[in-house]
mmCIF file of all heavy atoms, coordinates in Angstrom:
data_MODEL
# 
_entry.id   MODEL 
# 
loop_
_atom_site.group_PDB 
_atom_site.id 
_atom_site.type_symbol 
_atom_site.label_atom_id 
_atom_site.label_alt_id 
_atom_site.label_comp_id 
_atom_site.label_asym_id 
_atom_site.label_entity_id 
_atom_site.label_seq_id 
_atom_site.pdbx_PDB_ins_code 
_atom_site.Cartn_x 
_atom_site.Cartn_y 
_atom_site.Cartn_z 
_atom_site.occupancy 
_atom_site.B_iso_or_equiv 
_atom_site.pdbx_formal_charge 
_atom_site.auth_seq_id 
_atom_site.auth_comp_id 
_atom_site.auth_asym_id 
_atom_site.auth_atom_id 
_atom_site.pdbx_PDB_model_num 
ATOM 1   N N   . SER A 1 1  ? 74.679 114.455 194.074 1.00 0.00 ? 1  SER A N   1 
ATOM 2   C CA  . SER A 1 1  ? 73.560 115.387 193.781 1.00 0.00 ? 1  SER A CA  1 
ATOM 3   C C   . SER A 1 1  ? 72.415 114.703 193.111 1.00 0.00 ? 1  SER A C   1 
ATOM 4   O O   . SER A 1 1  ? 72.503 113.551 192.595 1.00 0.00 ? 1  SER A O   1 
ATOM 5   C CB  . SER A 1 1  ? 74.120 116.501 192.866 1.00 0.00 ? 1  SER A CB  1 
ATOM 6   O OG  . SER A 1 1  ? 74.532 116.011 191.617 1.00 0.00 ? 1  SER A OG  1 
ATOM 7   N N   . SER A 1 2  ? 71.268 115.353 193.027 1.00 0.00 ? 2  SER A N   1 
ATOM 8   C CA  . SER A 1 2  ? 70.105 114.739 192.455 1.00 0.00 ? 2  SER A CA  1 
ATOM 9   C C   . SER A 1 2  ? 70.343 114.464 190.984 1.00 0.00 ? 2  SER A C   1 
ATOM 10  O O   . SER A 1 2  ? 69.781 113.419 190.468 1.00 0.00 ? 2  SER A O   1 
ATOM 11  C CB  . SER A 1 2  ? 68.905 115.685 192.633 1.00 0.00 ? 2  SER A CB  1 
ATOM 12  O OG  . SER A 1 2  ? 69.071 116.913 191.995 1.00 0.00 ? 2  SER A OG  1 
ATOM 13  N N   . SER A 1 3  ? 71.133 115.245 190.289 1.00 0.00 ? 3  SER A N   1 
ATOM 14  C CA  . SER A 1 3  ? 71.411 115.017 188.909 1.00 0.00 ? 3  SER A CA  1 
ATOM 15  C C   . SER A 1 3  ? 72.382 113.843 188.690 1.00 0.00 ? 3  SER A C   1 
ATOM 16  O O   . SER A 1 3  ? 72.510 113.287 187.623 1.00 0.00 ? 3  SER A O   1 
ATOM 17  C CB  . SER A 1 3  ? 71.993 116.267 188.216 1.00 0.00 ? 3  SER A CB  1 
ATOM 18  O OG  . SER A 1 3  ? 73.247 116.567 188.783 1.00 0.00 ? 3  SER A OG  1 
ATOM 19  N N   . GLY A 1 4  ? 73.123 113.518 189.777 1.00 0.00 ? 4  GLY A N   1 
ATOM 20  C CA  . GLY A 1 4  ? 74.156 112.584 189.714 1.00 0.00 ? 4  GLY A CA  1 
ATOM 21  C C   . GLY A 1 4  ? 75.481 113.154 189.182 1.00 0.00 ? 4  GLY A C   1 
ATOM 22  O O   . GLY A 1 4  ? 76.501 112.398 189.089 1.00 0.00 ? 4  GLY A O   1 
ATOM 23  N N   . VAL A 1 5  ? 75.498 114.375 188.766 1.00 0.00 ? 5  VAL A N   1 
ATOM 24  C CA  . VAL A 1 5  ? 76.744 114.934 188.167 1.00 0.00 ? 5  VAL A CA  1 
ATOM 25  C C   . VAL A 1 5  ? 77.788 115.250 189.209 1.00 0.00 ? 5  VAL A C   1 
ATOM 26  O O   . VAL A 1 5  ? 78.959 115.051 188.951 1.00 0.00 ? 5  VAL A O   1 
ATOM 27  C CB  . VAL A 1 5  ? 76.372 116.305 187.449 1.00 0.00 ? 5  VAL A CB  1 
ATOM 28  C CG1 . VAL A 1 5  ? 77.578 117.061 187.026 1.00 0.00 ? 5  VAL A CG1 1 
ATOM 29  C CG2 . VAL A 1 5  ? 75.491 116.002 186.233 1.00 0.00 ? 5  VAL A CG2 1 
ATOM 30  N N   . SER A 1 6  ? 77.328 115.660 190.403 1.00 0.00 ? 6  SER A N   1 
ATOM 31  C CA  . SER A 1 6  ? 78.351 116.106 191.406 1.00 0.00 ? 6  SER A CA  1 
ATOM 32  C C   . SER A 1 6  ? 78.386 115.052 192.550 1.00 0.00 ? 6  SER A C   1 
ATOM 33  O O   . SER A 1 6  ? 77.392 114.600 193.018 1.00 0.00 ? 6  SER A O   1 
ATOM 34  C CB  . SER A 1 6  ? 77.975 117.461 191.966 1.00 0.00 ? 6  SER A CB  1 
ATOM 35  O OG  . SER A 1 6  ? 77.962 118.408 190.922 1.00 0.00 ? 6  SER A OG  1 
ATOM 36  N N   . THR A 1 7  ? 79.583 114.802 193.003 1.00 0.00 ? 7  THR A N   1 
ATOM 37  C CA  . THR A 1 7  ? 79.796 113.964 194.221 1.00 0.00 ? 7  THR A CA  1 
ATOM 38  C C   . THR A 1 7  ? 80.794 114.699 195.161 1.00 0.00 ? 7  THR A C   1 
ATOM 39  O O   . THR A 1 7  ? 81.658 115.459 194.658 1.00 0.00 ? 7  THR A O   1 
ATOM 40  C CB  . THR A 1 7  ? 80.376 112.598 193.869 1.00 0.00 ? 7  THR A CB  1 
ATOM 41  O OG1 . THR A 1 7  ? 81.596 112.795 193.069 1.00 0.00 ? 7  THR A OG1 1 
ATOM 42  C CG2 . THR A 1 7  ? 79.338 111.844 192.945 1.00 0.00 ? 7  THR A CG2 1 
ATOM 43  N N   . GLU A 1 8  ? 80.710 114.463 196.376 1.00 0.00 ? 8  GLU A N   1 
ATOM 44  C CA  . GLU A 1 8  ? 81.618 115.025 197.386 1.00 0.00 ? 8  GLU A CA  1 
ATOM 45  C C   . GLU A 1 8  ? 82.026 113.939 198.371 1.00 0.00 ? 8  GLU A C   1 
ATOM 46  O O   . GLU A 1 8  ? 81.216 112.993 198.645 1.00 0.00 ? 8  GLU A O   1 
ATOM 47  C CB  . GLU A 1 8  ? 80.939 116.151 198.121 1.00 0.00 ? 8  GLU A CB  1 
ATOM 48  C CG  . GLU A 1 8  ? 80.594 117.390 197.290 1.00 0.00 ? 8  GLU A CG  1 
ATOM 49  C CD  . GLU A 1 8  ? 81.772 118.149 196.773 1.00 0.00 ? 8  GLU A CD  1 
ATOM 50  O OE1 . GLU A 1 8  ? 82.856 118.036 197.419 1.00 0.00 ? 8  GLU A OE1 1 
ATOM 51  O OE2 . GLU A 1 8  ? 81.635 118.783 195.756 1.00 0.00 ? 8  GLU A OE2 1 
ATOM 52  N N   . TYR A 1 9  ? 83.210 114.031 198.927 1.00 0.00 ? 9  TYR A N   1 
ATOM 53  C CA  . TYR A 1 9  ? 83.763 113.047 199.839 1.00 0.00 ? 9  TYR A CA  1 
ATOM 54  C C   . TYR A 1 9  ? 84.373 113.698 201.022 1.00 0.00 ? 9  TYR A C   1 
ATOM 55  O O   . TYR A 1 9  ? 85.116 114.749 200.866 1.00 0.00 ? 9  TYR A O   1 
ATOM 56  C CB  . TYR A 1 9  ? 84.736 112.168 199.110 1.00 0.00 ? 9  TYR A CB  1 
ATOM 57  C CG  . TYR A 1 9  ? 84.163 111.376 198.051 1.00 0.00 ? 9  TYR A CG  1 
ATOM 58  C CD1 . TYR A 1 9  ? 84.199 111.823 196.649 1.00 0.00 ? 9  TYR A CD1 1 
ATOM 59  C CD2 . TYR A 1 9  ? 83.531 110.140 198.198 1.00 0.00 ? 9  TYR A CD2 1 
ATOM 60  C CE1 . TYR A 1 9  ? 83.692 111.145 195.664 1.00 0.00 ? 9  TYR A CE1 1 
ATOM 61  C CE2 . TYR A 1 9  ? 83.009 109.387 197.133 1.00 0.00 ? 9  TYR A CE2 1 
ATOM 62  C CZ  . TYR A 1 9  ? 83.026 109.879 195.914 1.00 0.00 ? 9  TYR A CZ  1 
ATOM 63  O OH  . TYR A 1 9  ? 82.492 109.164 194.913 1.00 0.00 ? 9  TYR A OH  1 
ATOM 64  N N   . ALA A 1 10 ? 84.326 113.103 202.183 1.00 0.00 ? 10 ALA A N   1 
ATOM 65  C CA  . ALA A 1 10 ? 85.162 113.519 203.324 1.00 0.00 ? 10 ALA A CA  1 
ATOM 66  C C   . ALA A 1 10 ? 86.589 113.197 202.997 1.00 0.00 ? 10 ALA A C   1 
ATOM 67  O O   . ALA A 1 10 ? 86.920 112.227 202.306 1.00 0.00 ? 10 ALA A O   1 
ATOM 68  C CB  . ALA A 1 10 ? 84.727 112.795 204.587 1.00 0.00 ? 10 ALA A CB  1 
ATOM 69  N N   . ASP A 1 11 ? 87.548 114.021 203.484 1.00 0.00 ? 11 ASP A N   1 
ATOM 70  C CA  . ASP A 1 11 ? 88.961 113.799 203.265 1.00 0.00 ? 11 ASP A CA  1 
ATOM 71  C C   . ASP A 1 11 ? 89.423 112.406 203.654 1.00 0.00 ? 11 ASP A C   1 
ATOM 72  O O   . ASP A 1 11 ? 90.244 111.796 203.044 1.00 0.00 ? 11 ASP A O   1 
ATOM 73  C CB  . ASP A 1 11 ? 89.777 114.876 204.028 1.00 0.00 ? 11 ASP A CB  1 
ATOM 74  C CG  . ASP A 1 11 ? 89.589 116.240 203.367 1.00 0.00 ? 11 ASP A CG  1 
ATOM 75  O OD1 . ASP A 1 11 ? 89.163 116.299 202.218 1.00 0.00 ? 11 ASP A OD1 1 
ATOM 76  O OD2 . ASP A 1 11 ? 89.969 117.177 204.025 1.00 0.00 ? 11 ASP A OD2 1 
ATOM 77  N N   . SER A 1 12 ? 88.797 111.872 204.688 1.00 0.00 ? 12 SER A N   1 
ATOM 78  C CA  . SER A 1 12 ? 89.211 110.628 205.204 1.00 0.00 ? 12 SER A CA  1 
ATOM 79  C C   . SER A 1 12 ? 88.913 109.428 204.283 1.00 0.00 ? 12 SER A C   1 
ATOM 80  O O   . SER A 1 12 ? 89.503 108.316 204.491 1.00 0.00 ? 12 SER A O   1 
ATOM 81  C CB  . SER A 1 12 ? 88.566 110.350 206.571 1.00 0.00 ? 12 SER A CB  1 
ATOM 82  O OG  . SER A 1 12 ? 87.099 110.366 206.422 1.00 0.00 ? 12 SER A OG  1 
ATOM 83  N N   . VAL A 1 13 ? 88.061 109.641 203.345 1.00 0.00 ? 13 VAL A N   1 
ATOM 84  C CA  . VAL A 1 13 ? 87.659 108.501 202.464 1.00 0.00 ? 13 VAL A CA  1 
ATOM 85  C C   . VAL A 1 13 ? 87.954 108.752 200.950 1.00 0.00 ? 13 VAL A C   1 
ATOM 86  O O   . VAL A 1 13 ? 87.728 107.848 200.173 1.00 0.00 ? 13 VAL A O   1 
ATOM 87  C CB  . VAL A 1 13 ? 86.189 108.144 202.631 1.00 0.00 ? 13 VAL A CB  1 
ATOM 88  C CG1 . VAL A 1 13 ? 85.825 107.939 204.054 1.00 0.00 ? 13 VAL A CG1 1 
ATOM 89  C CG2 . VAL A 1 13 ? 85.292 109.182 202.037 1.00 0.00 ? 13 VAL A CG2 1 
ATOM 90  N N   . LYS A 1 14 ? 88.456 109.956 200.612 1.00 0.00 ? 14 LYS A N   1 
ATOM 91  C CA  . LYS A 1 14 ? 88.796 110.275 199.301 1.00 0.00 ? 14 LYS A CA  1 
ATOM 92  C C   . LYS A 1 14 ? 89.783 109.311 198.708 1.00 0.00 ? 14 LYS A C   1 
ATOM 93  O O   . LYS A 1 14 ? 90.787 108.938 199.331 1.00 0.00 ? 14 LYS A O   1 
ATOM 94  C CB  . LYS A 1 14 ? 89.331 111.750 199.161 1.00 0.00 ? 14 LYS A CB  1 
ATOM 95  C CG  . LYS A 1 14 ? 88.253 112.809 199.187 1.00 0.00 ? 14 LYS A CG  1 
ATOM 96  C CD  . LYS A 1 14 ? 88.915 114.167 199.042 1.00 0.00 ? 14 LYS A CD  1 
ATOM 97  C CE  . LYS A 1 14 ? 87.904 115.238 199.086 1.00 0.00 ? 14 LYS A CE  1 
ATOM 98  N NZ  . LYS A 1 14 ? 88.486 116.595 199.077 1.00 0.00 ? 14 LYS A NZ  1 
ATOM 99  N N   . GLY A 1 15 ? 89.467 108.822 197.471 1.00 0.00 ? 15 GLY A N   1 
ATOM 100 C CA  . GLY A 1 15 ? 90.379 107.917 196.814 1.00 0.00 ? 15 GLY A CA  1 
ATOM 101 C C   . GLY A 1 15 ? 90.109 106.465 197.182 1.00 0.00 ? 15 GLY A C   1 
ATOM 102 O O   . GLY A 1 15 ? 90.600 105.591 196.544 1.00 0.00 ? 15 GLY A O   1 
ATOM 103 N N   . ARG A 1 16 ? 89.261 106.233 198.231 1.00 0.00 ? 16 ARG A N   1 
ATOM 104 C CA  . ARG A 1 16 ? 88.914 104.858 198.682 1.00 0.00 ? 16 ARG A CA  1 
ATOM 105 C C   . ARG A 1 16 ? 87.460 104.560 198.429 1.00 0.00 ? 16 ARG A C   1 
ATOM 106 O O   . ARG A 1 16 ? 87.132 103.412 198.169 1.00 0.00 ? 16 ARG A O   1 
ATOM 107 C CB  . ARG A 1 16 ? 89.293 104.661 200.104 1.00 0.00 ? 16 ARG A CB  1 
ATOM 108 C CG  . ARG A 1 16 ? 90.760 104.908 200.405 1.00 0.00 ? 16 ARG A CG  1 
ATOM 109 C CD  . ARG A 1 16 ? 91.084 104.469 201.864 1.00 0.00 ? 16 ARG A CD  1 
ATOM 110 N NE  . ARG A 1 16 ? 90.353 105.265 202.860 1.00 0.00 ? 16 ARG A NE  1 
ATOM 111 C CZ  . ARG A 1 16 ? 89.561 104.753 203.752 1.00 0.00 ? 16 ARG A CZ  1 
ATOM 112 N NH1 . ARG A 1 16 ? 89.335 103.452 203.809 1.00 0.00 ? 16 ARG A NH1 1 
ATOM 113 N NH2 . ARG A 1 16 ? 88.980 105.512 204.623 1.00 0.00 ? 16 ARG A NH2 1 
ATOM 114 N N   . PHE A 1 17 ? 86.618 105.523 198.587 1.00 0.00 ? 17 PHE A N   1 
ATOM 115 C CA  . PHE A 1 17 ? 85.111 105.313 198.524 1.00 0.00 ? 17 PHE A CA  1 
ATOM 116 C C   . PHE A 1 17 ? 84.647 105.969 197.230 1.00 0.00 ? 17 PHE A C   1 
ATOM 117 O O   . PHE A 1 17 ? 85.163 107.050 196.822 1.00 0.00 ? 17 PHE A O   1 
ATOM 118 C CB  . PHE A 1 17 ? 84.401 105.982 199.683 1.00 0.00 ? 17 PHE A CB  1 
ATOM 119 C CG  . PHE A 1 17 ? 84.640 105.238 201.027 1.00 0.00 ? 17 PHE A CG  1 
ATOM 120 C CD1 . PHE A 1 17 ? 85.635 104.280 201.157 1.00 0.00 ? 17 PHE A CD1 1 
ATOM 121 C CD2 . PHE A 1 17 ? 83.832 105.536 202.132 1.00 0.00 ? 17 PHE A CD2 1 
ATOM 122 C CE1 . PHE A 1 17 ? 85.739 103.644 202.388 1.00 0.00 ? 17 PHE A CE1 1 
ATOM 123 C CE2 . PHE A 1 17 ? 83.982 104.971 203.325 1.00 0.00 ? 17 PHE A CE2 1 
ATOM 124 C CZ  . PHE A 1 17 ? 84.987 103.980 203.480 1.00 0.00 ? 17 PHE A CZ  1 
ATOM 125 N N   . THR A 1 18 ? 83.633 105.382 196.604 1.00 0.00 ? 18 THR A N   1 
ATOM 126 C CA  . THR A 1 18 ? 82.976 105.919 195.431 1.00 0.00 ? 18 THR A CA  1 
ATOM 127 C C   . THR A 1 18 ? 81.465 105.801 195.590 1.00 0.00 ? 18 THR A C   1 
ATOM 128 O O   . THR A 1 18 ? 80.925 104.715 195.848 1.00 0.00 ? 18 THR A O   1 
ATOM 129 C CB  . THR A 1 18 ? 83.415 105.150 194.174 1.00 0.00 ? 18 THR A CB  1 
ATOM 130 O OG1 . THR A 1 18 ? 84.830 105.195 193.995 1.00 0.00 ? 18 THR A OG1 1 
ATOM 131 C CG2 . THR A 1 18 ? 82.740 105.803 192.935 1.00 0.00 ? 18 THR A CG2 1 
ATOM 132 N N   . ILE A 1 19 ? 80.840 106.957 195.438 1.00 0.00 ? 19 ILE A N   1 
ATOM 133 C CA  . ILE A 1 19 ? 79.373 106.985 195.441 1.00 0.00 ? 19 ILE A CA  1 
ATOM 134 C C   . ILE A 1 19 ? 78.797 106.989 194.102 1.00 0.00 ? 19 ILE A C   1 
ATOM 135 O O   . ILE A 1 19 ? 79.332 107.620 193.171 1.00 0.00 ? 19 ILE A O   1 
ATOM 136 C CB  . ILE A 1 19 ? 78.875 108.190 196.306 1.00 0.00 ? 19 ILE A CB  1 
ATOM 137 C CG1 . ILE A 1 19 ? 77.362 108.120 196.656 1.00 0.00 ? 19 ILE A CG1 1 
ATOM 138 C CG2 . ILE A 1 19 ? 79.195 109.505 195.640 1.00 0.00 ? 19 ILE A CG2 1 
ATOM 139 C CD1 . ILE A 1 19 ? 76.871 109.125 197.661 1.00 0.00 ? 19 ILE A CD1 1 
ATOM 140 N N   . SER A 1 20 ? 77.642 106.353 193.907 1.00 0.00 ? 20 SER A N   1 
ATOM 141 C CA  . SER A 1 20 ? 76.952 106.318 192.624 1.00 0.00 ? 20 SER A CA  1 
ATOM 142 C C   . SER A 1 20 ? 75.432 106.189 192.794 1.00 0.00 ? 20 SER A C   1 
ATOM 143 O O   . SER A 1 20 ? 75.047 105.770 193.931 1.00 0.00 ? 20 SER A O   1 
ATOM 144 C CB  . SER A 1 20 ? 77.530 105.263 191.690 1.00 0.00 ? 20 SER A CB  1 
ATOM 145 O OG  . SER A 1 20 ? 77.298 104.006 192.263 1.00 0.00 ? 20 SER A OG  1 
ATOM 146 N N   . ARG A 1 21 ? 74.642 106.510 191.766 1.00 0.00 ? 21 ARG A N   1 
ATOM 147 C CA  . ARG A 1 21 ? 73.278 106.310 191.875 1.00 0.00 ? 21 ARG A CA  1 
ATOM 148 C C   . ARG A 1 21 ? 72.700 105.745 190.614 1.00 0.00 ? 21 ARG A C   1 
ATOM 149 O O   . ARG A 1 21 ? 73.177 106.015 189.540 1.00 0.00 ? 21 ARG A O   1 
ATOM 150 C CB  . ARG A 1 21 ? 72.551 107.656 192.235 1.00 0.00 ? 21 ARG A CB  1 
ATOM 151 C CG  . ARG A 1 21 ? 72.589 108.694 191.264 1.00 0.00 ? 21 ARG A CG  1 
ATOM 152 C CD  . ARG A 1 21 ? 72.002 110.075 191.794 1.00 0.00 ? 21 ARG A CD  1 
ATOM 153 N NE  . ARG A 1 21 ? 70.631 109.962 192.160 1.00 0.00 ? 21 ARG A NE  1 
ATOM 154 C CZ  . ARG A 1 21 ? 70.012 110.768 193.035 1.00 0.00 ? 21 ARG A CZ  1 
ATOM 155 N NH1 . ARG A 1 21 ? 70.686 111.692 193.647 1.00 0.00 ? 21 ARG A NH1 1 
ATOM 156 N NH2 . ARG A 1 21 ? 68.727 110.660 193.330 1.00 0.00 ? 21 ARG A NH2 1 
ATOM 157 N N   . ASP A 1 22 ? 71.598 104.958 190.764 1.00 0.00 ? 22 ASP A N   1 
ATOM 158 C CA  . ASP A 1 22 ? 70.861 104.391 189.650 1.00 0.00 ? 22 ASP A CA  1 
ATOM 159 C C   . ASP A 1 22 ? 69.411 104.781 189.787 1.00 0.00 ? 22 ASP A C   1 
ATOM 160 O O   . ASP A 1 22 ? 68.679 104.210 190.607 1.00 0.00 ? 22 ASP A O   1 
ATOM 161 C CB  . ASP A 1 22 ? 71.079 102.905 189.666 1.00 0.00 ? 22 ASP A CB  1 
ATOM 162 C CG  . ASP A 1 22 ? 70.368 102.210 188.428 1.00 0.00 ? 22 ASP A CG  1 
ATOM 163 O OD1 . ASP A 1 22 ? 69.524 102.843 187.822 1.00 0.00 ? 22 ASP A OD1 1 
ATOM 164 O OD2 . ASP A 1 22 ? 70.717 101.017 188.200 1.00 0.00 ? 22 ASP A OD2 1 
ATOM 165 N N   . ASN A 1 23 ? 68.962 105.853 189.128 1.00 0.00 ? 23 ASN A N   1 
ATOM 166 C CA  . ASN A 1 23 ? 67.654 106.349 189.343 1.00 0.00 ? 23 ASN A CA  1 
ATOM 167 C C   . ASN A 1 23 ? 66.622 105.378 188.876 1.00 0.00 ? 23 ASN A C   1 
ATOM 168 O O   . ASN A 1 23 ? 65.468 105.416 189.386 1.00 0.00 ? 23 ASN A O   1 
ATOM 169 C CB  . ASN A 1 23 ? 67.514 107.718 188.586 1.00 0.00 ? 23 ASN A CB  1 
ATOM 170 C CG  . ASN A 1 23 ? 68.176 108.875 189.308 1.00 0.00 ? 23 ASN A CG  1 
ATOM 171 O OD1 . ASN A 1 23 ? 68.661 108.685 190.462 1.00 0.00 ? 23 ASN A OD1 1 
ATOM 172 N ND2 . ASN A 1 23 ? 68.208 110.040 188.693 1.00 0.00 ? 23 ASN A ND2 1 
ATOM 173 N N   . ALA A 1 24 ? 66.941 104.564 187.943 1.00 0.00 ? 24 ALA A N   1 
ATOM 174 C CA  . ALA A 1 24 ? 65.955 103.578 187.422 1.00 0.00 ? 24 ALA A CA  1 
ATOM 175 C C   . ALA A 1 24 ? 65.660 102.531 188.541 1.00 0.00 ? 24 ALA A C   1 
ATOM 176 O O   . ALA A 1 24 ? 64.539 101.958 188.520 1.00 0.00 ? 24 ALA A O   1 
ATOM 177 C CB  . ALA A 1 24 ? 66.487 102.795 186.256 1.00 0.00 ? 24 ALA A CB  1 
ATOM 178 N N   . LYS A 1 25 ? 66.600 102.324 189.476 1.00 0.00 ? 25 LYS A N   1 
ATOM 179 C CA  . LYS A 1 25 ? 66.385 101.343 190.527 1.00 0.00 ? 25 LYS A CA  1 
ATOM 180 C C   . LYS A 1 25 ? 66.143 102.071 191.903 1.00 0.00 ? 25 LYS A C   1 
ATOM 181 O O   . LYS A 1 25 ? 66.037 101.475 192.946 1.00 0.00 ? 25 LYS A O   1 
ATOM 182 C CB  . LYS A 1 25 ? 67.626 100.481 190.692 1.00 0.00 ? 25 LYS A CB  1 
ATOM 183 C CG  . LYS A 1 25 ? 67.796 99.587  189.498 1.00 0.00 ? 25 LYS A CG  1 
ATOM 184 C CD  . LYS A 1 25 ? 69.003 98.611  189.739 1.00 0.00 ? 25 LYS A CD  1 
ATOM 185 C CE  . LYS A 1 25 ? 69.186 97.652  188.555 1.00 0.00 ? 25 LYS A CE  1 
ATOM 186 N NZ  . LYS A 1 25 ? 70.350 96.763  188.740 1.00 0.00 ? 25 LYS A NZ  1 
ATOM 187 N N   . ASN A 1 26 ? 66.070 103.431 191.826 1.00 0.00 ? 26 ASN A N   1 
ATOM 188 C CA  . ASN A 1 26 ? 65.927 104.167 193.105 1.00 0.00 ? 26 ASN A CA  1 
ATOM 189 C C   . ASN A 1 26 ? 66.929 103.773 194.189 1.00 0.00 ? 26 ASN A C   1 
ATOM 190 O O   . ASN A 1 26 ? 66.604 103.626 195.328 1.00 0.00 ? 26 ASN A O   1 
ATOM 191 C CB  . ASN A 1 26 ? 64.469 104.032 193.634 1.00 0.00 ? 26 ASN A CB  1 
ATOM 192 C CG  . ASN A 1 26 ? 63.486 104.813 192.902 1.00 0.00 ? 26 ASN A CG  1 
ATOM 193 O OD1 . ASN A 1 26 ? 63.740 105.423 191.877 1.00 0.00 ? 26 ASN A OD1 1 
ATOM 194 N ND2 . ASN A 1 26 ? 62.245 104.863 193.439 1.00 0.00 ? 26 ASN A ND2 1 
# 
């Protein structure tokens, strides 16, 4: 999400993939 608070994953990648964002670096 734009706030970075919420993340969602497809079932096929849950537990293996992690998404994150760094707004200072866009």
